[in-house]
Amino acid sequence: MKVKDKRQHRKIRIRKKINGTATVPRIAVFKSNNNIYVQAIDDLNQVTIASASTLSKEVKSKNLSVDASKEVGELMGKKLNDLKISKAVFDRGGYVYHGRVKSLADGIREKGIEF
């Protein structure tokens, strides 16, 4: 099985088990070769509550690094705090919880969001 197919199978398996609501959204992560994206999703109403990425104007470091991922996580945590959301479900999207994904999650946690 190819690497991309393995990630898709992990993603489907994880997605079956976790759901997000308006009060406890699902935080979904997507990594491209150049950027990292994160969304807070209400699965019941199929609405994106908040989003952030390395393409956001608020993110200072535009390069693809662990530091930029942490900065995106802190931005996402700030947006969730503004919406008075303190709990969330983390969906790593089939990616290994290491490196950029881990630093993004740490950045969100630093702003007081619980997983």
C-alpha atoms as a PDB file:
ATOM      1  CA  MET A   1       0.000   0.000   0.000  1.00  0.00           C
ATOM      2  CA  LYS A   2       1.375   3.401  -0.927  1.00  0.00           C
ATOM      3  CA  VAL A   3       2.039   6.126   1.630  1.00  0.00           C
ATOM      4  CA  LYS A   4      -0.792   8.357   0.386  1.00  0.00           C
ATOM      5  CA  ASP A   5      -3.261   5.467   0.541  1.00  0.00           C
ATOM      6  CA  LYS A   6      -2.170   4.613   4.079  1.00  0.00           C
ATOM      7  CA  ARG A   7      -2.783   8.202   5.181  1.00  0.00           C
ATOM      8  CA  GLN A   8      -6.239   8.166   3.562  1.00  0.00           C
ATOM      9  CA  HIS A   9      -7.147   4.957   5.415  1.00  0.00           C
ATOM     10  CA  ARG A  10      -5.959   6.428   8.725  1.00  0.00           C
ATOM     11  CA  LYS A  11      -7.918   9.604   7.995  1.00  0.00           C
ATOM     12  CA  ILE A  12     -11.155   7.685   7.329  1.00  0.00           C
ATOM     13  CA  ARG A  13     -10.676   5.505  10.410  1.00  0.00           C
ATOM     14  CA  ILE A  14     -10.126   8.562  12.620  1.00  0.00           C
ATOM     15  CA  ARG A  15     -13.004  10.531  11.064  1.00  0.00           C
ATOM     16  CA  LYS A  16     -15.471   7.736  11.920  1.00  0.00           C
ATOM     17  CA  LYS A  17     -14.644   8.054  15.603  1.00  0.00           C
ATOM     18  CA  ILE A  18     -14.585  11.816  16.173  1.00  0.00           C
ATOM     19  CA  ASN A  19     -17.213  14.479  15.585  1.00  0.00           C
ATOM     20  CA  GLY A  20     -17.321  18.183  16.248  1.00  0.00           C
ATOM     21  CA  THR A  21     -20.213  20.308  17.490  1.00  0.00           C
ATOM     22  CA  ALA A  22     -20.740  24.058  17.817  1.00  0.00           C
ATOM     23  CA  THR A  23     -19.515  24.037  21.435  1.00  0.00           C
ATOM     24  CA  VAL A  24     -16.772  21.406  20.959  1.00  0.00           C
ATOM     25  CA  PRO A  25     -15.547  21.744  17.351  1.00  0.00           C
ATOM     26  CA  ARG A  26     -13.276  19.371  15.465  1.00  0.00           C
ATOM     27  CA  ILE A  27      -9.899  20.945  14.716  1.00  0.00           C
ATOM     28  CA  ALA A  28      -8.795  19.579  11.338  1.00  0.00           C
ATOM     29  CA  VAL A  29      -5.211  19.847  10.070  1.00  0.00           C
ATOM     30  CA  PHE A  30      -4.013  19.808   6.467  1.00  0.00           C
ATOM     31  CA  LYS A  31      -0.378  19.992   5.397  1.00  0.00           C
ATOM     32  CA  SER A  32       0.777  20.846   1.904  1.00  0.00           C
ATOM     33  CA  ASN A  33       4.361  21.050   0.725  1.00  0.00           C
ATOM     34  CA  ASN A  34       4.394  24.812   1.276  1.00  0.00           C
ATOM     35  CA  ASN A  35       1.783  25.614   3.942  1.00  0.00           C
ATOM     36  CA  ILE A  36      -0.176  24.270   6.894  1.00  0.00           C
ATOM     37  CA  TYR A  37      -3.898  24.862   7.357  1.00  0.00           C
ATOM     38  CA  VAL A  38      -6.165  24.370  10.370  1.00  0.00           C
ATOM     39  CA  GLN A  39      -9.964  24.665  10.669  1.00  0.00           C
ATOM     40  CA  ALA A  40     -12.446  24.440  13.525  1.00  0.00           C
ATOM     41  CA  ILE A  41     -15.435  22.555  12.119  1.00  0.00           C
ATOM     42  CA  ASP A  42     -18.972  22.014  13.419  1.00  0.00           C
ATOM     43  CA  ASP A  43     -19.813  18.623  11.870  1.00  0.00           C
ATOM     44  CA  LEU A  44     -23.488  18.719  12.847  1.00  0.00           C
ATOM     45  CA  ASN A  45     -24.203  21.871  10.829  1.00  0.00           C
ATOM     46  CA  GLN A  46     -21.311  21.297   8.396  1.00  0.00           C
ATOM     47  CA  VAL A  47     -19.890  24.770   9.029  1.00  0.00           C
ATOM     48  CA  THR A  48     -16.335  26.016   9.459  1.00  0.00           C
ATOM     49  CA  ILE A  49     -16.277  28.086  12.647  1.00  0.00           C
ATOM     50  CA  ALA A  50     -12.726  29.459  12.381  1.00  0.00           C
ATOM     51  CA  SER A  51      -9.639  28.879  10.286  1.00  0.00           C
ATOM     52  CA  ALA A  52      -5.976  29.839  10.123  1.00  0.00           C
ATOM     53  CA  SER A  53      -2.986  29.025   7.950  1.00  0.00           C
ATOM     54  CA  THR A  54       0.505  30.151   7.103  1.00  0.00           C
ATOM     55  CA  LEU A  55      -1.147  32.229   4.368  1.00  0.00           C
ATOM     56  CA  SER A  56      -2.940  34.364   6.995  1.00  0.00           C
ATOM     57  CA  LYS A  57      -1.873  37.993   7.251  1.00  0.00           C
ATOM     58  CA  GLU A  58      -1.422  37.646  11.022  1.00  0.00           C
ATOM     59  CA  VAL A  59       1.297  34.988  10.692  1.00  0.00           C
ATOM     60  CA  LYS A  60       4.711  36.641  10.644  1.00  0.00           C
ATOM     61  CA  SER A  61       6.947  33.767   9.552  1.00  0.00           C
ATOM     62  CA  LYS A  62       5.835  32.648   6.111  1.00  0.00           C
ATOM     63  CA  ASN A  63       8.286  29.783   5.775  1.00  0.00           C
ATOM     64  CA  LEU A  64       7.259  26.197   6.320  1.00  0.00           C
ATOM     65  CA  SER A  65       8.712  25.344   9.703  1.00  0.00           C
ATOM     66  CA  VAL A  66       7.828  24.119  13.154  1.00  0.00           C
ATOM     67  CA  ASP A  67       7.886  27.718  14.397  1.00  0.00           C
ATOM     68  CA  ALA A  68       5.415  28.834  11.725  1.00  0.00           C
ATOM     69  CA  SER A  69       3.127  25.932  12.657  1.00  0.00           C
ATOM     70  CA  LYS A  70       3.224  26.955  16.301  1.00  0.00           C
ATOM     71  CA  GLU A  71       2.381  30.525  15.318  1.00  0.00           C
ATOM     72  CA  VAL A  72      -0.618  29.273  13.295  1.00  0.00           C
ATOM     73  CA  GLY A  73      -1.717  27.230  16.324  1.00  0.00           C
ATOM     74  CA  GLU A  74      -1.521  30.267  18.581  1.00  0.00           C
ATOM     75  CA  LEU A  75      -3.560  32.279  16.063  1.00  0.00           C
ATOM     76  CA  MET A  76      -6.181  29.526  15.954  1.00  0.00           C
ATOM     77  CA  GLY A  77      -6.291  29.367  19.758  1.00  0.00           C
ATOM     78  CA  LYS A  78      -6.833  33.130  19.903  1.00  0.00           C
ATOM     79  CA  LYS A  79      -9.701  32.903  17.394  1.00  0.00           C
ATOM     80  CA  LEU A  80     -11.338  30.103  19.401  1.00  0.00           C
ATOM     81  CA  ASN A  81     -10.943  32.090  22.627  1.00  0.00           C
ATOM     82  CA  ASP A  82     -12.655  35.062  20.958  1.00  0.00           C
ATOM     83  CA  LEU A  83     -15.568  32.737  20.126  1.00  0.00           C
ATOM     84  CA  LYS A  84     -15.603  31.566  23.790  1.00  0.00           C
ATOM     85  CA  ILE A  85     -14.699  27.982  22.866  1.00  0.00           C
ATOM     86  CA  SER A  86     -12.533  26.255  25.468  1.00  0.00           C
ATOM     87  CA  LYS A  87     -12.723  22.590  24.369  1.00  0.00           C
ATOM     88  CA  ALA A  88     -12.111  20.971  21.016  1.00  0.00           C
ATOM     89  CA  VAL A  89     -11.443  17.603  19.384  1.00  0.00           C
ATOM     90  CA  PHE A  90      -8.108  17.382  17.534  1.00  0.00           C
ATOM     91  CA  ASP A  91      -8.188  15.687  14.116  1.00  0.00           C
ATOM     92  CA  ARG A  92      -4.629  15.223  12.877  1.00  0.00           C
ATOM     93  CA  GLY A  93      -5.926  14.175   9.444  1.00  0.00           C
ATOM     94  CA  GLY A  94      -3.991  10.919   9.297  1.00  0.00           C
ATOM     95  CA  TYR A  95      -0.661  12.683   9.780  1.00  0.00           C
ATOM     96  CA  VAL A  96       1.797  11.443  12.379  1.00  0.00           C
ATOM     97  CA  TYR A  97       1.615  13.463  15.621  1.00  0.00           C
ATOM     98  CA  HIS A  98       5.151  14.791  15.278  1.00  0.00           C
ATOM     99  CA  GLY A  99       6.914  17.903  14.048  1.00  0.00           C
ATOM    100  CA  ARG A 100       4.628  20.515  12.517  1.00  0.00           C
ATOM    101  CA  VAL A 101       1.390  18.821  13.630  1.00  0.00           C
ATOM    102  CA  LYS A 102       2.604  18.563  17.219  1.00  0.00           C
ATOM    103  CA  SER A 103       3.811  22.176  17.335  1.00  0.00           C
ATOM    104  CA  LEU A 104       0.471  23.352  15.923  1.00  0.00           C
ATOM    105  CA  ALA A 105      -1.378  21.446  18.658  1.00  0.00           C
ATOM    106  CA  ASP A 106       0.976  22.852  21.308  1.00  0.00           C
ATOM    107  CA  GLY A 107       0.319  26.378  20.037  1.00  0.00           C
ATOM    108  CA  ILE A 108      -3.433  25.854  20.364  1.00  0.00           C
ATOM    109  CA  ARG A 109      -3.038  24.390  23.860  1.00  0.00           C
ATOM    110  CA  GLU A 110      -0.936  27.368  24.972  1.00  0.00           C
ATOM    111  CA  LYS A 111      -3.949  29.610  24.377  1.00  0.00           C
ATOM    112  CA  GLY A 112      -6.040  27.515  26.796  1.00  0.00           C
ATOM    113  CA  ILE A 113      -7.921  25.189  24.448  1.00  0.00           C
ATOM    114  CA  GLU A 114      -8.332  21.633  25.792  1.00  0.00           C
ATOM    115  CA  PHE A 115      -8.242  18.535  23.597  1.00  0.00           C
END
